[in-house]
Amino acid sequence: MPRDILNMLGSKTTTTSSKVTKPVHKRHDVAKPLNLGGVQSSFNKRWTIGRGVPIICNQPDPKQCLAAVADATSKQIKIASFDLDYTLVKTLTGARFPCDKEDWRWWNSGVAKRLNEIAKEYLVVIFTNQGAVVARKDAKSYTKFTQRVNGVVAATKLTEQVVVYAAPKNSDKSTRKPEIGMWTALEQFVAENGYSIDKSRSYFVGDAAGRQGDHSDSDKVFAENVGIAFRTPEEEFTAQDP
């Protein structure tokens, strides 16, 4: 009597899994895979949530980030500040909103170079409205957001020179652009460490400029409310795109 057909096939028999695997987003905007270890070890541990007014923030050691760019005589600091999404980065997948912590790429190929040039003279600050992020450290949205920014900042290698403020879900209206609550938090951080901000030589870059096709003018109005110059990503970065 012939043997069972499965035994006859032996190792040639294969099975298929019904499990759906998540697609891998391949990065084409960095020369090597990002190493989020040593270069980022301090940055990713500095995330805090403000008490009372729940702004999510990441503030470096002031002795490094402020002293390095302050005028030695006046102790004033110039601020180069930026929106995050569709100003510094956009999604790698092409989706409107990021799918996960890896779903980002530079707004254009000159952004990282430009940030490194700016950081020689300015304190680099990110101000971002994040209405889908819950300001709680055990929330998935919080983890996704902070880990995504960890990757962005690590790619610049400016982990000791970038300050981040984010207005999360259900935050006080005063903290969300175009209101200036996040800027006020920056002013407090700077003042507490014996410095002041030179608004006349500071600026903010954002994509919400009230142009045809823009979702709003909140970035432009934010800069106006603060009293600093405003630029679009095209004005700040297009000349940097090889």
C-alpha atoms as a PDB file:
ATOM      1  CA  MET A   1       0.000   0.000   0.000  1.00  0.00           C
ATOM      2  CA  PRO A   2       1.553   3.431  -0.973  1.00  0.00           C
ATOM      3  CA  ARG A   3       2.711   5.729   1.791  1.00  0.00           C
ATOM      4  CA  ASP A   4       0.805   8.870   2.712  1.00  0.00           C
ATOM      5  CA  ILE A   5       1.305  11.502   0.033  1.00  0.00           C
ATOM      6  CA  LEU A   6       2.454  14.099   2.602  1.00  0.00           C
ATOM      7  CA  ASN A   7       5.229  11.796   3.810  1.00  0.00           C
ATOM      8  CA  MET A   8       6.297  11.277   0.210  1.00  0.00           C
ATOM      9  CA  LEU A   9       6.595  15.045  -0.326  1.00  0.00           C
ATOM     10  CA  GLY A  10       8.595  15.470   2.891  1.00  0.00           C
ATOM     11  CA  SER A  11      10.418  18.785   3.234  1.00  0.00           C
ATOM     12  CA  LYS A  12       9.065  20.035  -0.077  1.00  0.00           C
ATOM     13  CA  THR A  13       5.691  20.677   1.510  1.00  0.00           C
ATOM     14  CA  THR A  14       5.180  24.351   2.374  1.00  0.00           C
ATOM     15  CA  THR A  15       2.445  26.197   4.174  1.00  0.00           C
ATOM     16  CA  THR A  16       1.355  29.785   3.872  1.00  0.00           C
ATOM     17  CA  SER A  17       0.570  32.057   6.771  1.00  0.00           C
ATOM     18  CA  SER A  18      -2.638  34.054   6.928  1.00  0.00           C
ATOM     19  CA  LYS A  19      -0.915  36.677   9.085  1.00  0.00           C
ATOM     20  CA  VAL A  20      -0.802  40.116   7.488  1.00  0.00           C
ATOM     21  CA  THR A  21       2.590  41.759   7.929  1.00  0.00           C
ATOM     22  CA  LYS A  22       3.044  45.474   8.261  1.00  0.00           C
ATOM     23  CA  PRO A  23       4.803  47.032   5.256  1.00  0.00           C
ATOM     24  CA  VAL A  24       8.337  48.247   5.841  1.00  0.00           C
ATOM     25  CA  HIS A  25       8.954  51.889   4.977  1.00  0.00           C
ATOM     26  CA  LYS A  26      12.340  52.059   3.281  1.00  0.00           C
ATOM     27  CA  ARG A  27      14.306  55.221   3.938  1.00  0.00           C
ATOM     28  CA  HIS A  28      15.937  56.919   0.975  1.00  0.00           C
ATOM     29  CA  ASP A  29      16.752  60.258   2.603  1.00  0.00           C
ATOM     30  CA  VAL A  30      19.614  59.123   4.815  1.00  0.00           C
ATOM     31  CA  ALA A  31      22.878  57.560   3.748  1.00  0.00           C
ATOM     32  CA  LYS A  32      22.925  54.906   6.469  1.00  0.00           C
ATOM     33  CA  PRO A  33      20.311  53.373   8.789  1.00  0.00           C
ATOM     34  CA  LEU A  34      19.679  55.646  11.748  1.00  0.00           C
ATOM     35  CA  ASN A  35      21.459  54.626  14.938  1.00  0.00           C
ATOM     36  CA  LEU A  36      19.255  55.920  17.714  1.00  0.00           C
ATOM     37  CA  GLY A  37      21.605  54.826  20.476  1.00  0.00           C
ATOM     38  CA  GLY A  38      24.524  56.957  21.653  1.00  0.00           C
ATOM     39  CA  VAL A  39      23.796  60.101  19.678  1.00  0.00           C
ATOM     40  CA  GLN A  40      20.311  60.211  21.119  1.00  0.00           C
ATOM     41  CA  SER A  41      20.729  58.721  24.580  1.00  0.00           C
ATOM     42  CA  SER A  42      20.273  62.012  26.424  1.00  0.00           C
ATOM     43  CA  PHE A  43      17.678  63.599  24.138  1.00  0.00           C
ATOM     44  CA  ASN A  44      15.133  60.808  24.380  1.00  0.00           C
ATOM     45  CA  LYS A  45      15.251  60.880  28.188  1.00  0.00           C
ATOM     46  CA  ARG A  46      14.440  64.572  28.489  1.00  0.00           C
ATOM     47  CA  TRP A  47      10.765  64.509  27.517  1.00  0.00           C
ATOM     48  CA  THR A  48       8.521  66.106  30.121  1.00  0.00           C
ATOM     49  CA  ILE A  49       4.889  67.190  30.414  1.00  0.00           C
ATOM     50  CA  GLY A  50       4.252  70.576  31.978  1.00  0.00           C
ATOM     51  CA  ARG A  51       2.196  70.769  35.140  1.00  0.00           C
ATOM     52  CA  GLY A  52      -0.924  72.884  35.011  1.00  0.00           C
ATOM     53  CA  VAL A  53      -0.522  73.703  31.315  1.00  0.00           C
ATOM     54  CA  PRO A  54       0.250  70.331  29.691  1.00  0.00           C
ATOM     55  CA  ILE A  55       2.832  71.288  27.070  1.00  0.00           C
ATOM     56  CA  ILE A  56       5.021  68.391  25.974  1.00  0.00           C
ATOM     57  CA  CYS A  57       8.607  69.610  25.953  1.00  0.00           C
ATOM     58  CA  ASN A  58      12.215  68.557  25.488  1.00  0.00           C
ATOM     59  CA  GLN A  59      14.768  71.048  26.819  1.00  0.00           C
ATOM     60  CA  PRO A  60      18.537  70.417  26.642  1.00  0.00           C
ATOM     61  CA  ASP A  61      21.110  71.333  29.257  1.00  0.00           C
ATOM     62  CA  PRO A  62      21.017  75.160  29.239  1.00  0.00           C
ATOM     63  CA  LYS A  63      24.758  75.341  29.876  1.00  0.00           C
ATOM     64  CA  GLN A  64      25.273  73.799  26.459  1.00  0.00           C
ATOM     65  CA  CYS A  65      22.381  74.964  24.299  1.00  0.00           C
ATOM     66  CA  LEU A  66      22.076  78.558  25.562  1.00  0.00           C
ATOM     67  CA  ALA A  67      25.653  79.516  26.346  1.00  0.00           C
ATOM     68  CA  ALA A  68      26.830  78.252  22.964  1.00  0.00           C
ATOM     69  CA  VAL A  69      24.746  80.774  20.989  1.00  0.00           C
ATOM     70  CA  ALA A  70      24.357  83.695  23.416  1.00  0.00           C
ATOM     71  CA  ASP A  71      25.951  87.069  22.813  1.00  0.00           C
ATOM     72  CA  ALA A  72      28.745  87.301  25.366  1.00  0.00           C
ATOM     73  CA  THR A  73      28.008  90.945  26.209  1.00  0.00           C
ATOM     74  CA  SER A  74      24.217  91.240  26.129  1.00  0.00           C
ATOM     75  CA  LYS A  75      23.473  87.576  26.971  1.00  0.00           C
ATOM     76  CA  GLN A  76      20.783  87.682  24.315  1.00  0.00           C
ATOM     77  CA  ILE A  77      19.901  84.686  22.160  1.00  0.00           C
ATOM     78  CA  LYS A  78      18.590  84.538  18.601  1.00  0.00           C
ATOM     79  CA  ILE A  79      15.843  81.979  17.990  1.00  0.00           C
ATOM     80  CA  ALA A  80      15.347  80.055  14.744  1.00  0.00           C
ATOM     81  CA  SER A  81      12.056  78.251  15.268  1.00  0.00           C
ATOM     82  CA  PHE A  82      10.112  75.815  13.130  1.00  0.00           C
ATOM     83  CA  ASP A  83       6.845  74.000  12.789  1.00  0.00           C
ATOM     84  CA  LEU A  84       7.372  70.233  12.504  1.00  0.00           C
ATOM     85  CA  ASP A  85       5.025  68.589  10.000  1.00  0.00           C
ATOM     86  CA  TYR A  86       5.261  69.804   6.407  1.00  0.00           C
ATOM     87  CA  THR A  87       7.957  72.271   7.436  1.00  0.00           C
ATOM     88  CA  LEU A  88      10.881  70.163   8.671  1.00  0.00           C
ATOM     89  CA  VAL A  89       9.445  66.785   7.713  1.00  0.00           C
ATOM     90  CA  LYS A  90       6.649  65.119   5.783  1.00  0.00           C
ATOM     91  CA  THR A  91       5.437  61.529   5.847  1.00  0.00           C
ATOM     92  CA  LEU A  92       7.479  58.785   4.228  1.00  0.00           C
ATOM     93  CA  THR A  93       4.305  56.913   3.260  1.00  0.00           C
ATOM     94  CA  GLY A  94       2.643  59.904   1.624  1.00  0.00           C
ATOM     95  CA  ALA A  95      -0.219  59.791   4.132  1.00  0.00           C
ATOM     96  CA  ARG A  96      -1.529  63.074   5.516  1.00  0.00           C
ATOM     97  CA  PHE A  97      -0.652  62.064   9.079  1.00  0.00           C
ATOM     98  CA  PRO A  98       2.215  59.789  10.211  1.00  0.00           C
ATOM     99  CA  CYS A  99       1.382  56.100  10.578  1.00  0.00           C
ATOM    100  CA  ASP A 100       4.152  55.279  13.060  1.00  0.00           C
ATOM    101  CA  LYS A 101       7.398  56.582  14.528  1.00  0.00           C
ATOM    102  CA  GLU A 102       9.325  55.753  11.340  1.00  0.00           C
ATOM    103  CA  ASP A 103       6.904  57.530   9.014  1.00  0.00           C
ATOM    104  CA  TRP A 104       8.906  60.644   8.229  1.00  0.00           C
ATOM    105  CA  ARG A 105      11.359  62.090   5.756  1.00  0.00           C
ATOM    106  CA  TRP A 106      12.857  65.543   5.378  1.00  0.00           C
ATOM    107  CA  TRP A 107      10.703  68.240   3.768  1.00  0.00           C
ATOM    108  CA  ASN A 108      13.502  68.423   1.247  1.00  0.00           C
ATOM    109  CA  SER A 109      17.053  67.120   1.069  1.00  0.00           C
ATOM    110  CA  GLY A 110      18.591  70.372   2.311  1.00  0.00           C
ATOM    111  CA  VAL A 111      16.810  70.604   5.673  1.00  0.00           C
ATOM    112  CA  ALA A 112      19.373  68.804   7.857  1.00  0.00           C
ATOM    113  CA  LYS A 113      22.277  70.774   6.370  1.00  0.00           C
ATOM    114  CA  ARG A 114      20.443  74.052   6.893  1.00  0.00           C
ATOM    115  CA  LEU A 115      19.622  73.225  10.522  1.00  0.00           C
ATOM    116  CA  ASN A 116      23.276  72.507  11.227  1.00  0.00           C
ATOM    117  CA  GLU A 117      24.273  75.845   9.707  1.00  0.00           C
ATOM    118  CA  ILE A 118      21.648  77.709  11.732  1.00  0.00           C
ATOM    119  CA  ALA A 119      22.613  76.004  14.999  1.00  0.00           C
ATOM    120  CA  LYS A 120      26.017  77.707  14.929  1.00  0.00           C
ATOM    121  CA  GLU A 121      24.374  81.068  15.702  1.00  0.00           C
ATOM    122  CA  TYR A 122      20.767  80.380  16.739  1.00  0.00           C
ATOM    123  CA  LEU A 123      18.953  78.278  19.291  1.00  0.00           C
ATOM    124  CA  VAL A 124      16.871  75.871  17.187  1.00  0.00           C
ATOM    125  CA  VAL A 125      13.329  75.414  18.521  1.00  0.00           C
ATOM    126  CA  ILE A 126      10.381  73.336  17.274  1.00  0.00           C
ATOM    127  CA  PHE A 127       6.835  74.555  18.029  1.00  0.00           C
ATOM    128  CA  THR A 128       4.173  72.061  16.941  1.00  0.00           C
ATOM    129  CA  ASN A 129       0.434  71.603  17.473  1.00  0.00           C
ATOM    130  CA  GLN A 130      -0.220  67.891  18.074  1.00  0.00           C
ATOM    131  CA  GLY A 131      -3.972  67.606  18.564  1.00  0.00           C
ATOM    132  CA  ALA A 132      -3.979  63.809  18.259  1.00  0.00           C
ATOM    133  CA  VAL A 133      -1.337  63.264  20.950  1.00  0.00           C
ATOM    134  CA  VAL A 134      -2.447  62.533  24.505  1.00  0.00           C
ATOM    135  CA  ALA A 135      -0.165  64.159  27.089  1.00  0.00           C
ATOM    136  CA  ARG A 136       0.349  61.017  29.142  1.00  0.00           C
ATOM    137  CA  LYS A 137       3.541  58.980  29.085  1.00  0.00           C
ATOM    138  CA  ASP A 138       1.719  55.649  28.864  1.00  0.00           C
ATOM    139  CA  ALA A 139      -0.357  56.768  25.854  1.00  0.00           C
ATOM    140  CA  LYS A 140       0.481  55.173  22.495  1.00  0.00           C
ATOM    141  CA  SER A 141       0.120  58.503  20.705  1.00  0.00           C
ATOM    142  CA  TYR A 142       2.607  60.116  23.097  1.00  0.00           C
ATOM    143  CA  THR A 143       5.135  57.337  22.541  1.00  0.00           C
ATOM    144  CA  LYS A 144       4.738  57.483  18.755  1.00  0.00           C
ATOM    145  CA  PHE A 145       5.168  61.249  18.696  1.00  0.00           C
ATOM    146  CA  THR A 146       8.189  61.448  20.992  1.00  0.00           C
ATOM    147  CA  GLN A 147       9.944  58.526  19.298  1.00  0.00           C
ATOM    148  CA  ARG A 148       9.312  60.082  15.897  1.00  0.00           C
ATOM    149  CA  VAL A 149      10.872  63.367  17.016  1.00  0.00           C
ATOM    150  CA  ASN A 150      13.738  61.411  18.591  1.00  0.00           C
ATOM    151  CA  GLY A 151      14.511  60.037  15.139  1.00  0.00           C
ATOM    152  CA  VAL A 152      14.262  63.413  13.437  1.00  0.00           C
ATOM    153  CA  VAL A 153      16.571  65.155  15.911  1.00  0.00           C
ATOM    154  CA  ALA A 154      19.032  62.250  15.984  1.00  0.00           C
ATOM    155  CA  ALA A 155      19.345  62.522  12.205  1.00  0.00           C
ATOM    156  CA  THR A 156      20.513  66.140  12.592  1.00  0.00           C
ATOM    157  CA  LYS A 157      23.049  65.199  15.296  1.00  0.00           C
ATOM    158  CA  LEU A 158      21.939  68.336  17.149  1.00  0.00           C
ATOM    159  CA  THR A 159      20.576  66.512  20.175  1.00  0.00           C
ATOM    160  CA  GLU A 160      22.054  69.042  22.627  1.00  0.00           C
ATOM    161  CA  GLN A 161      20.978  72.090  20.621  1.00  0.00           C
ATOM    162  CA  VAL A 162      17.299  71.569  19.778  1.00  0.00           C
ATOM    163  CA  VAL A 163      14.365  72.530  22.025  1.00  0.00           C
ATOM    164  CA  VAL A 164      10.905  71.062  21.364  1.00  0.00           C
ATOM    165  CA  TYR A 165       7.475  72.264  22.512  1.00  0.00           C
ATOM    166  CA  ALA A 166       4.250  70.493  21.507  1.00  0.00           C
ATOM    167  CA  ALA A 167       0.643  71.425  22.284  1.00  0.00           C
ATOM    168  CA  PRO A 168      -1.176  68.094  22.779  1.00  0.00           C
ATOM    169  CA  LYS A 169      -4.796  66.982  22.620  1.00  0.00           C
ATOM    170  CA  ASN A 170      -7.204  68.919  24.848  1.00  0.00           C
ATOM    171  CA  SER A 171      -4.497  71.399  25.774  1.00  0.00           C
ATOM    172  CA  ASP A 172      -5.377  74.923  26.824  1.00  0.00           C
ATOM    173  CA  LYS A 173      -6.158  77.068  23.787  1.00  0.00           C
ATOM    174  CA  SER A 174      -3.431  79.490  24.849  1.00  0.00           C
ATOM    175  CA  THR A 175      -0.760  76.877  24.153  1.00  0.00           C
ATOM    176  CA  ARG A 176      -1.818  76.104  20.585  1.00  0.00           C
ATOM    177  CA  LYS A 177      -0.599  78.160  17.655  1.00  0.00           C
ATOM    178  CA  PRO A 178      -1.482  80.867  16.755  1.00  0.00           C
ATOM    179  CA  GLU A 179      -1.589  81.635  20.501  1.00  0.00           C
ATOM    180  CA  ILE A 180       1.822  82.078  22.107  1.00  0.00           C
ATOM    181  CA  GLY A 181       1.778  79.722  25.099  1.00  0.00           C
ATOM    182  CA  MET A 182       4.616  77.592  23.729  1.00  0.00           C
ATOM    183  CA  TRP A 183       6.718  80.693  23.079  1.00  0.00           C
ATOM    184  CA  THR A 184       6.046  81.824  26.653  1.00  0.00           C
ATOM    185  CA  ALA A 185       7.400  78.475  27.883  1.00  0.00           C
ATOM    186  CA  LEU A 186      10.565  79.085  25.845  1.00  0.00           C
ATOM    187  CA  GLU A 187      10.964  82.599  27.261  1.00  0.00           C
ATOM    188  CA  GLN A 188      10.668  81.192  30.774  1.00  0.00           C
ATOM    189  CA  PHE A 189      13.303  78.513  30.065  1.00  0.00           C
ATOM    190  CA  VAL A 190      15.690  81.131  28.674  1.00  0.00           C
ATOM    191  CA  ALA A 191      15.076  83.675  31.470  1.00  0.00           C
ATOM    192  CA  GLU A 192      15.458  81.115  34.257  1.00  0.00           C
ATOM    193  CA  ASN A 193      18.991  80.520  33.039  1.00  0.00           C
ATOM    194  CA  GLY A 194      20.020  84.170  32.913  1.00  0.00           C
ATOM    195  CA  TYR A 195      19.462  84.953  29.238  1.00  0.00           C
ATOM    196  CA  SER A 196      16.932  86.840  27.122  1.00  0.00           C
ATOM    197  CA  ILE A 197      15.648  86.513  23.548  1.00  0.00           C
ATOM    198  CA  ASP A 198      16.521  88.967  20.795  1.00  0.00           C
ATOM    199  CA  LYS A 199      13.204  89.045  18.936  1.00  0.00           C
ATOM    200  CA  SER A 200      14.497  91.486  16.335  1.00  0.00           C
ATOM    201  CA  ARG A 201      16.821  88.781  15.009  1.00  0.00           C
ATOM    202  CA  SER A 202      14.609  85.753  15.619  1.00  0.00           C
ATOM    203  CA  TYR A 203      12.142  84.083  13.247  1.00  0.00           C
ATOM    204  CA  PHE A 204       9.632  81.265  12.786  1.00  0.00           C
ATOM    205  CA  VAL A 205       9.184  78.976   9.769  1.00  0.00           C
ATOM    206  CA  GLY A 206       5.866  77.252   9.056  1.00  0.00           C
ATOM    207  CA  ASP A 207       3.695  75.958   6.236  1.00  0.00           C
ATOM    208  CA  ALA A 208       0.385  77.377   7.524  1.00  0.00           C
ATOM    209  CA  ALA A 209       0.807  80.789   5.929  1.00  0.00           C
ATOM    210  CA  GLY A 210      -2.705  81.501   4.658  1.00  0.00           C
ATOM    211  CA  ARG A 211      -1.742  80.895   1.046  1.00  0.00           C
ATOM    212  CA  GLN A 212      -4.085  79.272  -1.443  1.00  0.00           C
ATOM    213  CA  GLY A 213      -4.051  75.578  -0.572  1.00  0.00           C
ATOM    214  CA  ASP A 214      -2.759  76.071   2.983  1.00  0.00           C
ATOM    215  CA  HIS A 215      -4.919  74.533   5.711  1.00  0.00           C
ATOM    216  CA  SER A 216      -4.753  77.760   7.746  1.00  0.00           C
ATOM    217  CA  ASP A 217      -2.654  80.814   8.542  1.00  0.00           C
ATOM    218  CA  SER A 218      -1.880  79.756  12.125  1.00  0.00           C
ATOM    219  CA  ASP A 219       1.906  79.679  11.682  1.00  0.00           C
ATOM    220  CA  LYS A 220       2.039  83.146  10.166  1.00  0.00           C
ATOM    221  CA  VAL A 221      -0.259  84.577  12.837  1.00  0.00           C
ATOM    222  CA  PHE A 222       1.780  82.843  15.557  1.00  0.00           C
ATOM    223  CA  ALA A 223       4.901  84.684  14.401  1.00  0.00           C
ATOM    224  CA  GLU A 224       2.961  87.953  14.273  1.00  0.00           C
ATOM    225  CA  ASN A 225       1.599  87.409  17.785  1.00  0.00           C
ATOM    226  CA  VAL A 226       5.081  86.674  19.134  1.00  0.00           C
ATOM    227  CA  GLY A 227       6.550  89.643  17.282  1.00  0.00           C
ATOM    228  CA  ILE A 228       9.172  87.872  15.176  1.00  0.00           C
ATOM    229  CA  ALA A 229       9.760  87.465  11.443  1.00  0.00           C
ATOM    230  CA  PHE A 230       7.955  84.735   9.501  1.00  0.00           C
ATOM    231  CA  ARG A 231       9.193  82.555   6.651  1.00  0.00           C
ATOM    232  CA  THR A 232       7.691  79.667   4.689  1.00  0.00           C
ATOM    233  CA  PRO A 233       9.561  76.364   4.201  1.00  0.00           C
ATOM    234  CA  GLU A 234      10.059  77.331   0.560  1.00  0.00           C
ATOM    235  CA  GLU A 235      11.792  80.542   1.597  1.00  0.00           C
ATOM    236  CA  GLU A 236      13.954  78.849   4.224  1.00  0.00           C
ATOM    237  CA  PHE A 237      14.887  75.569   2.565  1.00  0.00           C
ATOM    238  CA  THR A 238      14.399  75.659  -1.214  1.00  0.00           C
ATOM    239  CA  ALA A 239      17.816  77.194  -1.821  1.00  0.00           C
ATOM    240  CA  GLN A 240      19.259  74.344   0.253  1.00  0.00           C
ATOM    241  CA  ASP A 241      17.808  71.601  -1.957  1.00  0.00           C
ATOM    242  CA  PRO A 242      20.603  70.265  -4.203  1.00  0.00           C
END
